[in-house]
């Protein structure tokens, strides 16, 4: 049986992890942490939306 909820959660986790690595570097260079968090969330949601529609 195909579990869509698990696939969605996994996609969000992978996308957030990937975006979080780059954002962590930017925050280490002096970027505002809240901007970095916003970028991570936006990137994760965008990746999941693209994955869902393509």
C-alpha atoms as a PDB file:
ATOM      1  CA  UNK A   1       0.000   0.000   0.000  1.00  0.00           C
ATOM      2  CA  UNK A   2       1.308   3.458  -0.937  1.00  0.00           C
ATOM      3  CA  UNK A   3       1.535   5.865   2.011  1.00  0.00           C
ATOM      4  CA  UNK A   4       1.276   9.449   0.722  1.00  0.00           C
ATOM      5  CA  UNK A   5       1.608  11.003   4.191  1.00  0.00           C
ATOM      6  CA  UNK A   6       4.960   9.302   4.755  1.00  0.00           C
ATOM      7  CA  UNK A   7       6.234  10.366   1.320  1.00  0.00           C
ATOM      8  CA  UNK A   8       5.236  13.985   2.007  1.00  0.00           C
ATOM      9  CA  UNK A   9       6.958  14.013   5.398  1.00  0.00           C
ATOM     10  CA  UNK A  10      10.088  12.453   3.924  1.00  0.00           C
ATOM     11  CA  UNK A  11      10.174  15.003   1.126  1.00  0.00           C
ATOM     12  CA  UNK A  12       9.880  17.888   3.574  1.00  0.00           C
ATOM     13  CA  UNK A  13      12.613  16.438   5.785  1.00  0.00           C
ATOM     14  CA  UNK A  14      15.043  15.935   2.900  1.00  0.00           C
ATOM     15  CA  UNK A  15      14.352  19.366   1.419  1.00  0.00           C
ATOM     16  CA  UNK A  16      14.691  21.120   4.790  1.00  0.00           C
ATOM     17  CA  UNK A  17      17.910  19.280   5.552  1.00  0.00           C
ATOM     18  CA  UNK A  18      19.435  20.278   2.224  1.00  0.00           C
ATOM     19  CA  UNK A  19      18.349  23.902   2.520  1.00  0.00           C
ATOM     20  CA  UNK A  20      19.359  23.987   6.168  1.00  0.00           C
ATOM     21  CA  UNK A  21      22.956  23.081   5.387  1.00  0.00           C
ATOM     22  CA  UNK A  22      23.367  26.035   3.030  1.00  0.00           C
ATOM     23  CA  UNK A  23      21.421  28.353   5.338  1.00  0.00           C
ATOM     24  CA  UNK A  24      23.609  27.341   8.296  1.00  0.00           C
ATOM     25  CA  UNK A  25      26.641  28.462   6.328  1.00  0.00           C
ATOM     26  CA  UNK A  26      24.971  31.790   5.518  1.00  0.00           C
ATOM     27  CA  UNK A  27      24.054  32.353   9.185  1.00  0.00           C
ATOM     28  CA  UNK A  28      27.636  31.545  10.160  1.00  0.00           C
ATOM     29  CA  UNK A  29      28.727  34.309   7.786  1.00  0.00           C
ATOM     30  CA  UNK A  30      26.512  36.846   9.573  1.00  0.00           C
ATOM     31  CA  UNK A  31      23.042  36.508   8.056  1.00  0.00           C
ATOM     32  CA  UNK A  32      20.042  37.054  10.350  1.00  0.00           C
ATOM     33  CA  UNK A  33      18.917  33.630  11.692  1.00  0.00           C
ATOM     34  CA  UNK A  34      15.239  34.444  11.105  1.00  0.00           C
ATOM     35  CA  UNK A  35      15.945  35.222   7.447  1.00  0.00           C
ATOM     36  CA  UNK A  36      17.847  31.950   7.237  1.00  0.00           C
ATOM     37  CA  UNK A  37      14.937  30.062   8.779  1.00  0.00           C
ATOM     38  CA  UNK A  38      12.547  31.710   6.321  1.00  0.00           C
ATOM     39  CA  UNK A  39      14.750  30.706   3.405  1.00  0.00           C
ATOM     40  CA  UNK A  40      14.880  27.114   4.677  1.00  0.00           C
ATOM     41  CA  UNK A  41      11.099  26.892   5.051  1.00  0.00           C
ATOM     42  CA  UNK A  42      10.507  28.469   1.635  1.00  0.00           C
ATOM     43  CA  UNK A  43      12.975  26.109  -0.033  1.00  0.00           C
ATOM     44  CA  UNK A  44      11.469  23.046   1.646  1.00  0.00           C
ATOM     45  CA  UNK A  45       7.894  23.985   0.715  1.00  0.00           C
ATOM     46  CA  UNK A  46       8.934  24.828  -2.848  1.00  0.00           C
ATOM     47  CA  UNK A  47      10.751  21.525  -3.273  1.00  0.00           C
ATOM     48  CA  UNK A  48       7.776  19.536  -2.002  1.00  0.00           C
ATOM     49  CA  UNK A  49       5.364  21.468  -4.236  1.00  0.00           C
ATOM     50  CA  UNK A  50       7.544  20.900  -7.288  1.00  0.00           C
ATOM     51  CA  UNK A  51       7.907  17.218  -6.410  1.00  0.00           C
ATOM     52  CA  UNK A  52       4.142  16.897  -5.999  1.00  0.00           C
ATOM     53  CA  UNK A  53       3.183  18.597  -9.262  1.00  0.00           C
ATOM     54  CA  UNK A  54       5.898  17.118 -11.494  1.00  0.00           C
END
